[in-house]
Amino acid sequence: MQNTAIFPLFYLPPVDYFRLMLRHDGEIVIDQHEHFPKQTYRNRAAIYSPNGRLDLTVPVVKGAKVHTRITDVRISYDFDWPRLQRLSLESCYRSSAYFEYYEDELMAFFAKKPVFLFDLNMELTQWLLQKLKADISFTLSTAYRTDVAPELDFRTSVHPKKESSLPPPASYYQVFQDRHGFMPNLSIIDLLFNKGPQSKGVLLTNG
């Protein structure tokens, strides 16, 4: 238990999420018993647009309150957000070096229209780990974990409004950095689209 790290499951997680996983040499547990907190990476991801940072959000069915278990949160399709996100990704990354390499597989996830947010995030995370060639395995929690060391509990530490606990990441070329400079800790897809097979090496290197 002493070297167990617990992670939430995010939507197209930020770079730091995978940096933390790669740096941990013990057991990794994904929490499937936590309650759904709003305004976190669990249903949003940040990408680099021509105008700067752009958040992509997966809308959830109304009634997904703070006390709703994460595995019970349903995705809303009241409007065609998958189409809007596909268009955003295409407009932001069409000129990146590896967008076409990953495009078809990534877009297939949007076409499936999964019912539950947790299922979408799980499929995406497993796909991302495969594309990163990251030898990371994890288990799912069997209950809400309170026995994890505070420094290894990443359920609240990786947050859009919190500073990273890691050393500054290695920078890499981003499509619009000539306009707004380098933006750290965007969604991992920003790194994949720009660096492709070299992405894992970037994750393991500090700036």
Protein backbone atom coordinates (compact mmCIF):
# COMPACT_ATOMS: atom_id res chain seq x y z
CA MET A 1 0.00 0.00 0.00
CA GLN A 2 2.89 2.37 0.74
CA ASN A 3 3.89 2.73 -2.90
CA THR A 4 0.39 2.73 -4.40
CA ALA A 5 -0.60 5.77 -6.47
CA ILE A 6 -4.24 6.52 -7.16
CA PHE A 7 -5.37 8.36 -10.27
CA PRO A 8 -8.71 9.57 -11.55
CA LEU A 9 -9.75 8.81 -15.10
CA PHE A 10 -9.58 11.90 -17.33
CA TYR A 11 -10.83 12.80 -20.81
CA LEU A 12 -7.82 13.05 -23.16
CA PRO A 13 -5.65 13.72 -20.08
CA PRO A 14 -3.07 16.49 -19.79
CA VAL A 15 0.62 15.83 -20.31
CA ASP A 16 1.35 15.85 -16.56
CA TYR A 17 -1.04 12.94 -16.02
CA PHE A 18 1.18 10.65 -18.08
CA ARG A 19 4.39 12.17 -16.73
CA LEU A 20 3.26 11.21 -13.23
CA MET A 21 2.32 7.70 -14.31
CA LEU A 22 5.66 7.14 -16.06
CA ARG A 23 7.61 8.35 -13.03
CA HIS A 24 5.81 6.06 -10.58
CA ASP A 25 7.48 2.69 -9.99
CA GLY A 26 4.77 1.12 -7.87
CA GLU A 27 1.15 0.05 -8.21
CA ILE A 28 -1.26 2.36 -10.04
CA VAL A 29 -4.94 2.28 -9.18
CA ILE A 30 -7.69 4.06 -11.11
CA ASP A 31 -10.48 5.25 -8.85
CA GLN A 32 -13.86 4.08 -10.08
CA HIS A 33 -15.60 4.82 -6.77
CA GLU A 34 -15.01 8.54 -6.47
CA HIS A 35 -17.85 11.05 -6.84
CA PHE A 36 -17.93 13.22 -9.95
CA PRO A 37 -16.34 16.64 -9.37
CA LYS A 38 -17.21 19.32 -11.90
CA GLN A 39 -14.81 21.65 -13.72
CA THR A 40 -11.98 19.14 -13.81
CA TYR A 41 -10.17 17.16 -16.49
CA ARG A 42 -12.63 14.30 -16.04
CA ASN A 43 -14.79 15.72 -18.80
CA ARG A 44 -12.61 18.39 -20.38
CA ALA A 45 -9.32 18.69 -22.23
CA ALA A 46 -7.21 21.65 -23.30
CA ILE A 47 -5.80 22.01 -26.80
CA TYR A 48 -3.86 24.72 -28.67
CA SER A 49 -6.00 26.78 -31.04
CA PRO A 50 -5.04 29.74 -33.26
CA ASN A 51 -6.42 31.98 -30.49
CA GLY A 52 -4.63 30.23 -27.64
CA ARG A 53 -5.87 27.62 -25.18
CA LEU A 54 -9.20 26.01 -26.08
CA ASP A 55 -11.15 23.71 -23.77
CA LEU A 56 -13.00 20.73 -25.22
CA THR A 57 -15.80 19.64 -22.93
CA VAL A 58 -17.83 16.45 -22.86
CA PRO A 59 -21.30 17.51 -21.66
CA VAL A 60 -22.92 15.30 -19.07
CA VAL A 61 -26.59 14.62 -18.46
CA LYS A 62 -28.16 17.07 -16.06
CA GLY A 63 -28.42 15.55 -12.64
CA ALA A 64 -24.78 14.46 -12.53
CA LYS A 65 -24.23 16.05 -9.16
CA VAL A 66 -21.15 16.15 -6.99
CA HIS A 67 -22.44 13.03 -5.21
CA THR A 68 -22.86 11.00 -8.40
CA ARG A 69 -20.44 8.09 -8.62
CA ILE A 70 -18.08 8.60 -11.53
CA THR A 71 -19.10 5.36 -13.25
CA ASP A 72 -22.74 6.51 -13.25
CA VAL A 73 -22.15 9.82 -15.05
CA ARG A 74 -23.90 9.74 -18.42
CA ILE A 75 -22.80 11.69 -21.48
CA SER A 76 -25.30 14.12 -22.98
CA TYR A 77 -25.92 14.18 -26.72
CA ASP A 78 -28.48 16.99 -26.67
CA PHE A 79 -26.28 18.65 -29.27
CA ASP A 80 -23.71 17.17 -31.63
CA TRP A 81 -20.59 17.90 -29.56
CA PRO A 82 -18.60 15.02 -31.15
CA ARG A 83 -18.88 16.77 -34.52
CA LEU A 84 -17.85 20.10 -33.03
CA GLN A 85 -14.84 18.53 -31.35
CA ARG A 86 -13.80 16.79 -34.56
CA LEU A 87 -13.93 20.12 -36.37
CA SER A 88 -11.93 21.81 -33.60
CA LEU A 89 -9.24 19.14 -33.67
CA GLU A 90 -9.01 19.31 -37.44
CA SER A 91 -8.73 23.10 -37.52
CA CYS A 92 -6.14 23.15 -34.72
CA TYR A 93 -3.95 20.21 -35.76
CA ARG A 94 -4.41 19.51 -39.46
CA SER A 95 -0.97 21.01 -40.15
CA SER A 96 0.78 19.15 -37.32
CA ALA A 97 3.29 16.46 -38.24
CA TYR A 98 1.33 13.43 -37.01
CA PHE A 99 -2.35 14.41 -37.08
CA GLU A 100 -3.15 12.22 -40.07
CA TYR A 101 -1.30 9.31 -38.45
CA TYR A 102 -3.70 9.22 -35.48
CA GLU A 103 -6.78 10.90 -36.93
CA ASP A 104 -8.90 7.94 -38.02
CA GLU A 105 -8.48 5.93 -34.82
CA LEU A 106 -9.15 8.91 -32.57
CA MET A 107 -12.20 10.05 -34.50
CA ALA A 108 -13.66 6.53 -34.25
CA PHE A 109 -14.12 7.04 -30.51
CA PHE A 110 -16.43 9.99 -31.17
CA ALA A 111 -18.55 7.93 -33.57
CA LYS A 112 -19.31 5.26 -30.94
CA LYS A 113 -21.40 7.59 -28.75
CA PRO A 114 -20.76 5.75 -25.47
CA VAL A 115 -23.34 6.17 -22.73
CA PHE A 116 -21.02 6.65 -19.77
CA LEU A 117 -18.18 9.13 -19.36
CA PHE A 118 -16.04 6.58 -17.49
CA ASP A 119 -16.22 4.13 -20.39
CA LEU A 120 -15.19 6.78 -22.92
CA ASN A 121 -12.29 7.90 -20.74
CA MET A 122 -11.15 4.33 -20.17
CA GLU A 123 -11.08 3.47 -23.87
CA LEU A 124 -9.26 6.68 -24.72
CA THR A 125 -6.69 6.24 -21.94
CA GLN A 126 -5.91 2.67 -22.98
CA TRP A 127 -5.52 3.81 -26.59
CA LEU A 128 -3.28 6.70 -25.59
CA LEU A 129 -1.02 4.45 -23.51
CA GLN A 130 -0.69 2.17 -26.52
CA LYS A 131 0.20 5.04 -28.85
CA LEU A 132 2.71 6.39 -26.33
CA LYS A 133 4.26 2.92 -26.13
CA ALA A 134 4.06 3.35 -22.37
CA ASP A 135 4.47 0.14 -20.41
CA ILE A 136 1.97 1.11 -17.74
CA SER A 137 -0.52 -1.21 -16.14
CA PHE A 138 -3.20 -0.33 -13.63
CA THR A 139 -6.05 -1.84 -11.70
CA LEU A 140 -9.47 -0.43 -10.82
CA SER A 141 -10.32 0.36 -7.23
CA THR A 142 -12.67 -2.02 -5.44
CA ALA A 143 -13.78 0.71 -3.00
CA TYR A 144 -13.09 4.38 -2.36
CA ARG A 145 -9.43 4.46 -1.28
CA THR A 146 -8.39 6.44 1.76
CA ASP A 147 -5.22 4.47 2.52
CA VAL A 148 -3.03 6.11 -0.14
CA ALA A 149 -0.17 8.41 0.81
CA PRO A 150 -1.15 12.07 0.20
CA GLU A 151 1.77 12.64 -2.16
CA LEU A 152 0.56 9.70 -4.29
CA ASP A 153 -3.11 10.68 -4.38
CA PHE A 154 -3.55 12.43 -7.72
CA ARG A 155 -7.35 12.68 -7.65
CA THR A 156 -7.23 16.37 -6.76
CA SER A 157 -3.63 17.40 -7.46
CA VAL A 158 -3.91 17.26 -11.27
CA HIS A 159 -6.41 20.07 -11.78
CA PRO A 160 -6.93 22.89 -14.31
CA LYS A 161 -6.64 25.49 -11.53
CA LYS A 162 -3.61 24.04 -9.74
CA GLU A 163 0.07 24.43 -10.47
CA SER A 164 1.95 21.32 -11.47
CA SER A 165 3.94 19.50 -8.78
CA LEU A 166 6.45 18.32 -11.39
CA PRO A 167 9.57 20.06 -12.71
CA PRO A 168 8.89 22.08 -15.88
CA PRO A 169 8.35 19.73 -18.82
CA ALA A 170 10.52 19.56 -21.88
CA SER A 171 9.20 21.91 -24.55
CA TYR A 172 8.36 20.70 -28.03
CA TYR A 173 7.19 22.34 -31.22
CA GLN A 174 3.51 23.39 -31.15
CA VAL A 175 1.62 24.50 -34.24
CA PHE A 176 0.76 28.01 -33.03
CA GLN A 177 3.63 28.70 -30.67
CA ASP A 178 4.84 31.54 -32.87
CA ARG A 179 1.66 33.38 -31.85
CA HIS A 180 1.33 32.57 -28.15
CA GLY A 181 4.55 30.81 -27.13
CA PHE A 182 4.90 27.32 -25.72
CA MET A 183 1.90 26.12 -23.69
CA PRO A 184 2.76 23.38 -21.18
CA ASN A 185 0.44 20.65 -19.93
CA LEU A 186 -2.14 20.67 -22.68
CA SER A 187 -3.94 17.47 -23.57
CA ILE A 188 -1.64 14.60 -24.45
CA ILE A 189 -3.04 14.70 -27.98
CA ASP A 190 -1.24 18.03 -28.51
CA LEU A 191 2.01 16.20 -27.86
CA LEU A 192 1.07 13.17 -29.95
CA PHE A 193 -0.02 15.22 -32.95
CA ASN A 194 3.22 17.21 -32.86
CA LYS A 195 5.80 14.58 -31.85
CA GLY A 196 4.25 11.22 -32.66
CA PRO A 197 6.53 8.27 -31.74
CA GLN A 198 8.90 10.64 -29.92
CA SER A 199 6.20 11.63 -27.40
CA LYS A 200 7.25 9.23 -24.66
CA GLY A 201 10.78 10.62 -24.71
CA VAL A 202 9.40 14.13 -24.20
CA LEU A 203 7.34 12.94 -21.23
CA LEU A 204 10.45 11.53 -19.56
CA THR A 205 12.53 14.67 -20.06
CA ASN A 206 12.39 17.78 -17.86
CA GLY A 207 12.81 21.23 -19.38
